[in-house]
Amino acid sequence: MKFPHILAAGLASLALLGAPAQAEPRKVTIAVHFDDLDLRDPAQVRALHKRVEAAAKEACAYPDALSFNPVPYDRACKASLVESAEEVIARKRTARLASAS
């Protein structure tokens, strides 16, 4: 049985910047498929990074409609998702390189 390879990254952030302390954090997650990519190939790893960037941009583009200042939210959200995904990619790539040896 073959399981699809999915890279998942998540971020908990405030949906409302400057919201009261009791506001629930908003959980933003992305899932990026990479079944078709060989993580031993640097060009294909770059392709995966582009997919992550695009998914993070889309996931963070529309914060809660009540957000007063969405631009910093978008940047912080995207940066956090990409950073989280980079860690996962590094672990998966290391595992793939080790299994190829």
PDB file of N, CA and C in Angstrom:
ATOM      1  N   MET A   1       0.854  -1.182   0.000  1.00  0.00           N
ATOM      2  CA  MET A   1       0.000   0.000   0.000  1.00  0.00           C
ATOM      3  C   MET A   1       0.896   1.240   0.000  1.00  0.00           C
ATOM      4  N   LYS A   2       0.651   2.133  -0.921  1.00  0.00           N
ATOM      5  CA  LYS A   2       1.447   3.347  -1.028  1.00  0.00           C
ATOM      6  C   LYS A   2       0.680   4.511  -0.408  1.00  0.00           C
ATOM      7  N   PHE A   3       1.336   5.205   0.497  1.00  0.00           N
ATOM      8  CA  PHE A   3       0.716   6.358   1.128  1.00  0.00           C
ATOM      9  C   PHE A   3       1.175   7.622   0.427  1.00  0.00           C
ATOM     10  N   PRO A   4       0.269   8.541   0.194  1.00  0.00           N
ATOM     11  CA  PRO A   4       0.684   9.786  -0.447  1.00  0.00           C
ATOM     12  C   PRO A   4       1.590  10.571   0.492  1.00  0.00           C
ATOM     13  N   HIS A   5       2.587  11.182  -0.084  1.00  0.00           N
ATOM     14  CA  HIS A   5       3.490  12.005   0.705  1.00  0.00           C
ATOM     15  C   HIS A   5       2.890  13.398   0.803  1.00  0.00           C
ATOM     16  N   ILE A   6       2.690  13.819   2.018  1.00  0.00           N
ATOM     17  CA  ILE A   6       2.115  15.140   2.258  1.00  0.00           C
ATOM     18  C   ILE A   6       2.993  15.859   3.256  1.00  0.00           C
ATOM     19  N   LEU A   7       3.350  17.062   2.925  1.00  0.00           N
ATOM     20  CA  LEU A   7       4.096  17.918   3.820  1.00  0.00           C
ATOM     21  C   LEU A   7       3.073  18.822   4.501  1.00  0.00           C
ATOM     22  N   ALA A   8       3.039  18.799   5.807  1.00  0.00           N
ATOM     23  CA  ALA A   8       2.082  19.631   6.522  1.00  0.00           C
ATOM     24  C   ALA A   8       2.825  20.592   7.433  1.00  0.00           C
ATOM     25  N   ALA A   9       2.356  21.797   7.480  1.00  0.00           N
ATOM     26  CA  ALA A   9       2.923  22.808   8.354  1.00  0.00           C
ATOM     27  C   ALA A   9       1.768  23.567   8.977  1.00  0.00           C
ATOM     28  N   GLY A  10       1.966  24.043  10.175  1.00  0.00           N
ATOM     29  CA  GLY A  10       0.895  24.755  10.854  1.00  0.00           C
ATOM     30  C   GLY A  10       1.386  25.958  11.620  1.00  0.00           C
ATOM     31  N   LEU A  11       0.459  26.822  11.929  1.00  0.00           N
ATOM     32  CA  LEU A  11       0.750  28.041  12.660  1.00  0.00           C
ATOM     33  C   LEU A  11      -0.460  28.413  13.492  1.00  0.00           C
ATOM     34  N   ALA A  12      -0.223  28.746  14.728  1.00  0.00           N
ATOM     35  CA  ALA A  12      -1.301  29.300  15.552  1.00  0.00           C
ATOM     36  C   ALA A  12      -1.000  30.790  15.685  1.00  0.00           C
ATOM     37  N   SER A  13      -1.916  31.613  15.274  1.00  0.00           N
ATOM     38  CA  SER A  13      -1.721  33.055  15.375  1.00  0.00           C
ATOM     39  C   SER A  13      -3.054  33.706  15.691  1.00  0.00           C
ATOM     40  N   LEU A  14      -2.992  34.933  16.124  1.00  0.00           N
ATOM     41  CA  LEU A  14      -4.228  35.643  16.431  1.00  0.00           C
ATOM     42  C   LEU A  14      -4.923  36.060  15.148  1.00  0.00           C
ATOM     43  N   ALA A  15      -6.175  35.773  15.062  1.00  0.00           N
ATOM     44  CA  ALA A  15      -6.951  36.172  13.895  1.00  0.00           C
ATOM     45  C   ALA A  15      -7.159  37.676  13.884  1.00  0.00           C
ATOM     46  N   LEU A  16      -7.237  38.252  15.033  1.00  0.00           N
ATOM     47  CA  LEU A  16      -7.411  39.701  15.139  1.00  0.00           C
ATOM     48  C   LEU A  16      -6.162  40.297  15.766  1.00  0.00           C
ATOM     49  N   LEU A  17      -5.423  41.087  14.991  1.00  0.00           N
ATOM     50  CA  LEU A  17      -4.263  41.749  15.574  1.00  0.00           C
ATOM     51  C   LEU A  17      -4.763  42.797  16.556  1.00  0.00           C
ATOM     52  N   GLY A  18      -4.175  42.818  17.712  1.00  0.00           N
ATOM     53  CA  GLY A  18      -4.615  43.760  18.731  1.00  0.00           C
ATOM     54  C   GLY A  18      -5.891  43.327  19.411  1.00  0.00           C
ATOM     55  N   ALA A  19      -6.255  42.067  19.267  1.00  0.00           N
ATOM     56  CA  ALA A  19      -7.473  41.557  19.893  1.00  0.00           C
ATOM     57  C   ALA A  19      -7.240  41.372  21.377  1.00  0.00           C
ATOM     58  N   PRO A  20      -8.305  41.310  22.160  1.00  0.00           N
ATOM     59  CA  PRO A  20      -8.161  41.091  23.580  1.00  0.00           C
ATOM     60  C   PRO A  20      -7.404  39.795  23.859  1.00  0.00           C
ATOM     61  N   ALA A  21      -6.751  39.718  24.998  1.00  0.00           N
ATOM     62  CA  ALA A  21      -5.906  38.582  25.349  1.00  0.00           C
ATOM     63  C   ALA A  21      -6.673  37.265  25.346  1.00  0.00           C
ATOM     64  N   GLN A  22      -7.966  37.289  25.587  1.00  0.00           N
ATOM     65  CA  GLN A  22      -8.727  36.054  25.654  1.00  0.00           C
ATOM     66  C   GLN A  22      -9.124  35.520  24.276  1.00  0.00           C
ATOM     67  N   ALA A  23      -8.781  36.223  23.209  1.00  0.00           N
ATOM     68  CA  ALA A  23      -9.142  35.752  21.868  1.00  0.00           C
ATOM     69  C   ALA A  23      -8.463  34.420  21.580  1.00  0.00           C
ATOM     70  N   GLU A  24      -9.195  33.534  20.929  1.00  0.00           N
ATOM     71  CA  GLU A  24      -8.657  32.226  20.573  1.00  0.00           C
ATOM     72  C   GLU A  24      -7.693  32.383  19.392  1.00  0.00           C
ATOM     73  N   PRO A  25      -6.556  31.708  19.432  1.00  0.00           N
ATOM     74  CA  PRO A  25      -5.659  31.789  18.288  1.00  0.00           C
ATOM     75  C   PRO A  25      -6.259  31.074  17.075  1.00  0.00           C
ATOM     76  N   ARG A  26      -5.942  31.564  15.925  1.00  0.00           N
ATOM     77  CA  ARG A  26      -6.408  30.963  14.680  1.00  0.00           C
ATOM     78  C   ARG A  26      -5.344  29.978  14.215  1.00  0.00           C
ATOM     79  N   LYS A  27      -5.736  28.782  13.895  1.00  0.00           N
ATOM     80  CA  LYS A  27      -4.808  27.749  13.433  1.00  0.00           C
ATOM     81  C   LYS A  27      -4.820  27.739  11.916  1.00  0.00           C
ATOM     82  N   VAL A  28      -3.679  27.976  11.325  1.00  0.00           N
ATOM     83  CA  VAL A  28      -3.535  27.959   9.876  1.00  0.00           C
ATOM     84  C   VAL A  28      -2.628  26.788   9.527  1.00  0.00           C
ATOM     85  N   THR A  29      -3.080  25.930   8.637  1.00  0.00           N
ATOM     86  CA  THR A  29      -2.261  24.805   8.205  1.00  0.00           C
ATOM     87  C   THR A  29      -2.256  24.715   6.690  1.00  0.00           C
ATOM     88  N   ILE A  30      -1.196  24.125   6.186  1.00  0.00           N
ATOM     89  CA  ILE A  30      -1.120  23.848   4.760  1.00  0.00           C
ATOM     90  C   ILE A  30      -0.720  22.387   4.587  1.00  0.00           C
ATOM     91  N   ALA A  31      -1.123  21.814   3.490  1.00  0.00           N
ATOM     92  CA  ALA A  31      -0.695  20.473   3.108  1.00  0.00           C
ATOM     93  C   ALA A  31      -0.222  20.550   1.661  1.00  0.00           C
ATOM     94  N   VAL A  32       0.978  20.073   1.427  1.00  0.00           N
ATOM     95  CA  VAL A  32       1.567  20.130   0.095  1.00  0.00           C
ATOM     96  C   VAL A  32       1.977  18.718  -0.304  1.00  0.00           C
ATOM     97  N   HIS A  33       1.445  18.242  -1.411  1.00  0.00           N
ATOM     98  CA  HIS A  33       1.775  16.907  -1.902  1.00  0.00           C
ATOM     99  C   HIS A  33       3.120  16.943  -2.631  1.00  0.00           C
ATOM    100  N   PHE A  34       3.897  15.876  -2.452  1.00  0.00           N
ATOM    101  CA  PHE A  34       5.160  15.796  -3.177  1.00  0.00           C
ATOM    102  C   PHE A  34       5.453  14.375  -3.659  1.00  0.00           C
ATOM    103  N   ASP A  35       4.388  13.614  -3.916  1.00  0.00           N
ATOM    104  CA  ASP A  35       4.537  12.246  -4.441  1.00  0.00           C
ATOM    105  C   ASP A  35       5.354  12.217  -5.733  1.00  0.00           C
ATOM    106  N   ASP A  36       5.188  13.234  -6.537  1.00  0.00           N
ATOM    107  CA  ASP A  36       5.816  13.267  -7.845  1.00  0.00           C
ATOM    108  C   ASP A  36       7.243  13.808  -7.831  1.00  0.00           C
ATOM    109  N   LEU A  37       7.762  14.148  -6.656  1.00  0.00           N
ATOM    110  CA  LEU A  37       9.082  14.755  -6.569  1.00  0.00           C
ATOM    111  C   LEU A  37      10.099  13.802  -5.941  1.00  0.00           C
ATOM    112  N   ASP A  38      11.328  13.876  -6.419  1.00  0.00           N
ATOM    113  CA  ASP A  38      12.445  13.119  -5.866  1.00  0.00           C
ATOM    114  C   ASP A  38      13.260  14.096  -5.022  1.00  0.00           C
ATOM    115  N   LEU A  39      13.184  13.961  -3.707  1.00  0.00           N
ATOM    116  CA  LEU A  39      13.851  14.910  -2.813  1.00  0.00           C
ATOM    117  C   LEU A  39      15.370  14.750  -2.794  1.00  0.00           C
ATOM    118  N   ARG A  40      15.881  13.810  -3.562  1.00  0.00           N
ATOM    119  CA  ARG A  40      17.333  13.695  -3.726  1.00  0.00           C
ATOM    120  C   ARG A  40      17.829  14.653  -4.801  1.00  0.00           C
ATOM    121  N   ASP A  41      16.920  15.176  -5.609  1.00  0.00           N
ATOM    122  CA  ASP A  41      17.255  16.077  -6.710  1.00  0.00           C
ATOM    123  C   ASP A  41      17.044  17.526  -6.256  1.00  0.00           C
ATOM    124  N   PRO A  42      18.121  18.326  -6.188  1.00  0.00           N
ATOM    125  CA  PRO A  42      17.992  19.720  -5.722  1.00  0.00           C
ATOM    126  C   PRO A  42      16.966  20.546  -6.511  1.00  0.00           C
ATOM    127  N   ALA A  43      16.830  20.301  -7.804  1.00  0.00           N
ATOM    128  CA  ALA A  43      15.849  21.051  -8.607  1.00  0.00           C
ATOM    129  C   ALA A  43      14.429  20.718  -8.162  1.00  0.00           C
ATOM    130  N   GLN A  44      14.197  19.470  -7.822  1.00  0.00           N
ATOM    131  CA  GLN A  44      12.866  19.085  -7.371  1.00  0.00           C
ATOM    132  C   GLN A  44      12.598  19.556  -5.945  1.00  0.00           C
ATOM    133  N   VAL A  45      13.640  19.669  -5.141  1.00  0.00           N
ATOM    134  CA  VAL A  45      13.476  20.254  -3.801  1.00  0.00           C
ATOM    135  C   VAL A  45      13.086  21.723  -3.943  1.00  0.00           C
ATOM    136  N   ARG A  46      13.700  22.421  -4.890  1.00  0.00           N
ATOM    137  CA  ARG A  46      13.320  23.824  -5.140  1.00  0.00           C
ATOM    138  C   ARG A  46      11.861  23.909  -5.586  1.00  0.00           C
ATOM    139  N   ALA A  47      11.422  22.949  -6.389  1.00  0.00           N
ATOM    140  CA  ALA A  47      10.017  22.925  -6.820  1.00  0.00           C
ATOM    141  C   ALA A  47       9.096  22.750  -5.612  1.00  0.00           C
ATOM    142  N   LEU A  48       9.506  21.912  -4.665  1.00  0.00           N
ATOM    143  CA  LEU A  48       8.709  21.729  -3.446  1.00  0.00           C
ATOM    144  C   LEU A  48       8.665  23.016  -2.632  1.00  0.00           C
ATOM    145  N   HIS A  49       9.789  23.706  -2.546  1.00  0.00           N
ATOM    146  CA  HIS A  49       9.813  24.990  -1.830  1.00  0.00           C
ATOM    147  C   HIS A  49       8.847  25.986  -2.473  1.00  0.00           C
ATOM    148  N   LYS A  50       8.771  25.993  -3.786  1.00  0.00           N
ATOM    149  CA  LYS A  50       7.844  26.892  -4.482  1.00  0.00           C
ATOM    150  C   LYS A  50       6.397  26.523  -4.169  1.00  0.00           C
ATOM    151  N   ARG A  51       6.113  25.233  -4.098  1.00  0.00           N
ATOM    152  CA  ARG A  51       4.761  24.792  -3.738  1.00  0.00           C
ATOM    153  C   ARG A  51       4.403  25.246  -2.326  1.00  0.00           C
ATOM    154  N   VAL A  52       5.370  25.119  -1.420  1.00  0.00           N
ATOM    155  CA  VAL A  52       5.139  25.542  -0.033  1.00  0.00           C
ATOM    156  C   VAL A  52       4.867  27.041   0.018  1.00  0.00           C
ATOM    157  N   GLU A  53       5.685  27.817  -0.675  1.00  0.00           N
ATOM    158  CA  GLU A  53       5.496  29.272  -0.710  1.00  0.00           C
ATOM    159  C   GLU A  53       4.103  29.630  -1.218  1.00  0.00           C
ATOM    160  N   ALA A  54       3.682  28.989  -2.296  1.00  0.00           N
ATOM    161  CA  ALA A  54       2.373  29.277  -2.885  1.00  0.00           C
ATOM    162  C   ALA A  54       1.242  28.891  -1.934  1.00  0.00           C
ATOM    163  N   ALA A  55       1.373  27.733  -1.300  1.00  0.00           N
ATOM    164  CA  ALA A  55       0.330  27.283  -0.365  1.00  0.00           C
ATOM    165  C   ALA A  55       0.256  28.202   0.849  1.00  0.00           C
ATOM    166  N   ALA A  56       1.417  28.622   1.352  1.00  0.00           N
ATOM    167  CA  ALA A  56       1.439  29.519   2.512  1.00  0.00           C
ATOM    168  C   ALA A  56       0.852  30.881   2.149  1.00  0.00           C
ATOM    169  N   LYS A  57       1.183  31.365   0.985  1.00  0.00           N
ATOM    170  CA  LYS A  57       0.644  32.666   0.538  1.00  0.00           C
ATOM    171  C   LYS A  57      -0.872  32.606   0.450  1.00  0.00           C
ATOM    172  N   GLU A  58      -1.392  31.523  -0.104  1.00  0.00           N
ATOM    173  CA  GLU A  58      -2.841  31.376  -0.233  1.00  0.00           C
ATOM    174  C   GLU A  58      -3.516  31.222   1.134  1.00  0.00           C
ATOM    175  N   ALA A  59      -2.918  30.428   2.003  1.00  0.00           N
ATOM    176  CA  ALA A  59      -3.515  30.173   3.317  1.00  0.00           C
ATOM    177  C   ALA A  59      -3.544  31.424   4.190  1.00  0.00           C
ATOM    178  N   CYS A  60      -2.574  32.294   4.000  1.00  0.00           N
ATOM    179  CA  CYS A  60      -2.462  33.474   4.859  1.00  0.00           C
ATOM    180  C   CYS A  60      -3.008  34.748   4.230  1.00  0.00           C
ATOM    181  N   ALA A  61      -3.528  34.660   3.039  1.00  0.00           N
ATOM    182  CA  ALA A  61      -3.948  35.852   2.305  1.00  0.00           C
ATOM    183  C   ALA A  61      -5.217  36.494   2.853  1.00  0.00           C
ATOM    184  N   TYR A  62      -6.060  35.711   3.507  1.00  0.00           N
ATOM    185  CA  TYR A  62      -7.342  36.257   3.926  1.00  0.00           C
ATOM    186  C   TYR A  62      -7.573  36.030   5.409  1.00  0.00           C
ATOM    187  N   PRO A  63      -6.971  36.881   6.239  1.00  0.00           N
ATOM    188  CA  PRO A  63      -7.244  36.737   7.663  1.00  0.00           C
ATOM    189  C   PRO A  63      -8.691  37.103   7.962  1.00  0.00           C
ATOM    190  N   ASP A  64      -9.067  36.923   9.163  1.00  0.00           N
ATOM    191  CA  ASP A  64     -10.418  37.242   9.604  1.00  0.00           C
ATOM    192  C   ASP A  64     -10.833  38.611   9.074  1.00  0.00           C
ATOM    193  N   ALA A  65     -12.035  38.706   8.595  1.00  0.00           N
ATOM    194  CA  ALA A  65     -12.529  39.954   7.990  1.00  0.00           C
ATOM    195  C   ALA A  65     -12.465  41.132   8.952  1.00  0.00           C
ATOM    196  N   LEU A  66     -12.405  40.867  10.241  1.00  0.00           N
ATOM    197  CA  LEU A  66     -12.360  41.948  11.220  1.00  0.00           C
ATOM    198  C   LEU A  66     -10.948  42.417  11.516  1.00  0.00           C
ATOM    199  N   SER A  67      -9.954  41.819  10.879  1.00  0.00           N
ATOM    200  CA  SER A  67      -8.564  42.213  11.106  1.00  0.00           C
ATOM    201  C   SER A  67      -8.362  43.641  10.601  1.00  0.00           C
ATOM    202  N   PHE A  68      -7.769  44.461  11.447  1.00  0.00           N
ATOM    203  CA  PHE A  68      -7.573  45.862  11.093  1.00  0.00           C
ATOM    204  C   PHE A  68      -6.323  46.073  10.243  1.00  0.00           C
ATOM    205  N   ASN A  69      -5.350  45.198  10.370  1.00  0.00           N
ATOM    206  CA  ASN A  69      -4.080  45.386   9.693  1.00  0.00           C
ATOM    207  C   ASN A  69      -3.605  44.045   9.127  1.00  0.00           C
ATOM    208  N   PRO A  70      -4.161  43.604   7.986  1.00  0.00           N
ATOM    209  CA  PRO A  70      -3.865  42.264   7.490  1.00  0.00           C
ATOM    210  C   PRO A  70      -2.459  42.064   6.951  1.00  0.00           C
ATOM    211  N   VAL A  71      -1.765  43.110   6.502  1.00  0.00           N
ATOM    212  CA  VAL A  71      -0.457  42.924   5.876  1.00  0.00           C
ATOM    213  C   VAL A  71       0.563  42.302   6.827  1.00  0.00           C
ATOM    214  N   PRO A  72       0.761  42.834   8.050  1.00  0.00           N
ATOM    215  CA  PRO A  72       1.708  42.172   8.957  1.00  0.00           C
ATOM    216  C   PRO A  72       1.276  40.750   9.308  1.00  0.00           C
ATOM    217  N   TYR A  73      -0.027  40.537   9.430  1.00  0.00           N
ATOM    218  CA  TYR A  73      -0.528  39.188   9.704  1.00  0.00           C
ATOM    219  C   TYR A  73      -0.126  38.255   8.568  1.00  0.00           C
ATOM    220  N   ASP A  74      -0.346  38.702   7.328  1.00  0.00           N
ATOM    221  CA  ASP A  74      -0.009  37.884   6.166  1.00  0.00           C
ATOM    222  C   ASP A  74       1.461  37.506   6.171  1.00  0.00           C
ATOM    223  N   ARG A  75       2.321  38.480   6.402  1.00  0.00           N
ATOM    224  CA  ARG A  75       3.767  38.226   6.385  1.00  0.00           C
ATOM    225  C   ARG A  75       4.178  37.279   7.502  1.00  0.00           C
ATOM    226  N   ALA A  76       3.695  37.528   8.703  1.00  0.00           N
ATOM    227  CA  ALA A  76       4.062  36.680   9.837  1.00  0.00           C
ATOM    228  C   ALA A  76       3.517  35.268   9.660  1.00  0.00           C
ATOM    229  N   CYS A  77       2.298  35.159   9.193  1.00  0.00           N
ATOM    230  CA  CYS A  77       1.671  33.866   8.961  1.00  0.00           C
ATOM    231  C   CYS A  77       2.469  33.081   7.923  1.00  0.00           C
ATOM    232  N   LYS A  78       2.748  33.701   6.790  1.00  0.00           N
ATOM    233  CA  LYS A  78       3.473  33.021   5.714  1.00  0.00           C
ATOM    234  C   LYS A  78       4.877  32.629   6.172  1.00  0.00           C
ATOM    235  N   ALA A  79       5.565  33.540   6.826  1.00  0.00           N
ATOM    236  CA  ALA A  79       6.929  33.248   7.283  1.00  0.00           C
ATOM    237  C   ALA A  79       6.948  32.066   8.243  1.00  0.00           C
ATOM    238  N   SER A  80       5.985  32.013   9.138  1.00  0.00           N
ATOM    239  CA  SER A  80       5.932  30.924  10.101  1.00  0.00           C
ATOM    240  C   SER A  80       5.622  29.595   9.420  1.00  0.00           C
ATOM    241  N   LEU A  81       4.680  29.590   8.491  1.00  0.00           N
ATOM    242  CA  LEU A  81       4.348  28.358   7.770  1.00  0.00           C
ATOM    243  C   LEU A  81       5.535  27.862   6.956  1.00  0.00           C
ATOM    244  N   VAL A  82       6.201  28.772   6.258  1.00  0.00           N
ATOM    245  CA  VAL A  82       7.343  28.386   5.430  1.00  0.00           C
ATOM    246  C   VAL A  82       8.468  27.846   6.308  1.00  0.00           C
ATOM    247  N   GLU A  83       8.720  28.496   7.423  1.00  0.00           N
ATOM    248  CA  GLU A  83       9.770  28.033   8.335  1.00  0.00           C
ATOM    249  C   GLU A  83       9.456  26.630   8.858  1.00  0.00           C
ATOM    250  N   SER A  84       8.221  26.416   9.244  1.00  0.00           N
ATOM    251  CA  SER A  84       7.800  25.104   9.726  1.00  0.00           C
ATOM    252  C   SER A  84       7.961  24.054   8.624  1.00  0.00           C
ATOM    253  N   ALA A  85       7.571  24.397   7.419  1.00  0.00           N
ATOM    254  CA  ALA A  85       7.686  23.461   6.302  1.00  0.00           C
ATOM    255  C   ALA A  85       9.144  23.175   5.964  1.00  0.00           C
ATOM    256  N   GLU A  86      10.000  24.186   6.056  1.00  0.00           N
ATOM    257  CA  GLU A  86      11.424  23.995   5.767  1.00  0.00           C
ATOM    258  C   GLU A  86      12.024  22.946   6.696  1.00  0.00           C
ATOM    259  N   GLU A  87      11.615  22.954   7.949  1.00  0.00           N
ATOM    260  CA  GLU A  87      12.108  21.966   8.905  1.00  0.00           C
ATOM    261  C   GLU A  87      11.656  20.563   8.504  1.00  0.00           C
ATOM    262  N   VAL A  88      10.409  20.439   8.088  1.00  0.00           N
ATOM    263  CA  VAL A  88       9.875  19.143   7.674  1.00  0.00           C
ATOM    264  C   VAL A  88      10.584  18.669   6.400  1.00  0.00           C
ATOM    265  N   ILE A  89      10.791  19.579   5.441  1.00  0.00           N
ATOM    266  CA  ILE A  89      11.477  19.219   4.194  1.00  0.00           C
ATOM    267  C   ILE A  89      12.887  18.730   4.501  1.00  0.00           C
ATOM    268  N   ALA A  90      13.593  19.423   5.373  1.00  0.00           N
ATOM    269  CA  ALA A  90      14.960  19.023   5.714  1.00  0.00           C
ATOM    270  C   ALA A  90      14.984  17.613   6.304  1.00  0.00           C
ATOM    271  N   ARG A  91      14.044  17.313   7.200  1.00  0.00           N
ATOM    272  CA  ARG A  91      13.994  15.968   7.790  1.00  0.00           C
ATOM    273  C   ARG A  91      13.671  14.912   6.736  1.00  0.00           C
ATOM    274  N   LYS A  92      12.700  15.192   5.886  1.00  0.00           N
ATOM    275  CA  LYS A  92      12.308  14.220   4.858  1.00  0.00           C
ATOM    276  C   LYS A  92      13.427  14.031   3.838  1.00  0.00           C
ATOM    277  N   ARG A  93      14.099  15.105   3.483  1.00  0.00           N
ATOM    278  CA  ARG A  93      15.193  15.015   2.519  1.00  0.00           C
ATOM    279  C   ARG A  93      16.348  14.205   3.104  1.00  0.00           C
ATOM    280  N   THR A  94      16.666  14.431   4.366  1.00  0.00           N
ATOM    281  CA  THR A  94      17.724  13.678   5.020  1.00  0.00           C
ATOM    282  C   THR A  94      17.377  12.193   5.044  1.00  0.00           C
ATOM    283  N   ALA A  95      16.132  11.881   5.322  1.00  0.00           N
ATOM    284  CA  ALA A  95      15.693  10.485   5.342  1.00  0.00           C
ATOM    285  C   ALA A  95      15.798   9.870   3.960  1.00  0.00           C
ATOM    286  N   ARG A  96      15.407  10.611   2.929  1.00  0.00           N
ATOM    287  CA  ARG A  96      15.484  10.089   1.562  1.00  0.00           C
ATOM    288  C   ARG A  96      16.933   9.875   1.134  1.00  0.00           C
ATOM    289  N   LEU A  97      17.817  10.819   1.480  1.00  0.00           N
ATOM    290  CA  LEU A  97      19.215  10.682   1.114  1.00  0.00           C
ATOM    291  C   LEU A  97      19.844   9.489   1.832  1.00  0.00           C
ATOM    292  N   ALA A  98      19.479   9.287   3.096  1.00  0.00           N
ATOM    293  CA  ALA A  98      20.007   8.171   3.869  1.00  0.00           C
ATOM    294  C   ALA A  98      19.519   6.837   3.308  1.00  0.00           C
ATOM    295  N   SER A  99      18.277   6.784   2.883  1.00  0.00           N
ATOM    296  CA  SER A  99      17.743   5.531   2.348  1.00  0.00           C
ATOM    297  C   SER A  99      18.311   5.201   0.974  1.00  0.00           C
ATOM    298  N   ALA A 100      18.819   6.223   0.270  1.00  0.00           N
ATOM    299  CA  ALA A 100      19.403   6.000  -1.053  1.00  0.00           C
ATOM    300  C   ALA A 100      20.832   5.476  -0.954  1.00  0.00           C
ATOM    301  N   SER A 101      21.456   5.627   0.195  1.00  0.00           N
ATOM    302  CA  SER A 101      22.860   5.213   0.356  1.00  0.00           C
ATOM    303  C   SER A 101      22.998   3.726   0.482  1.00  0.00           C
TER     304      SER A 101
END
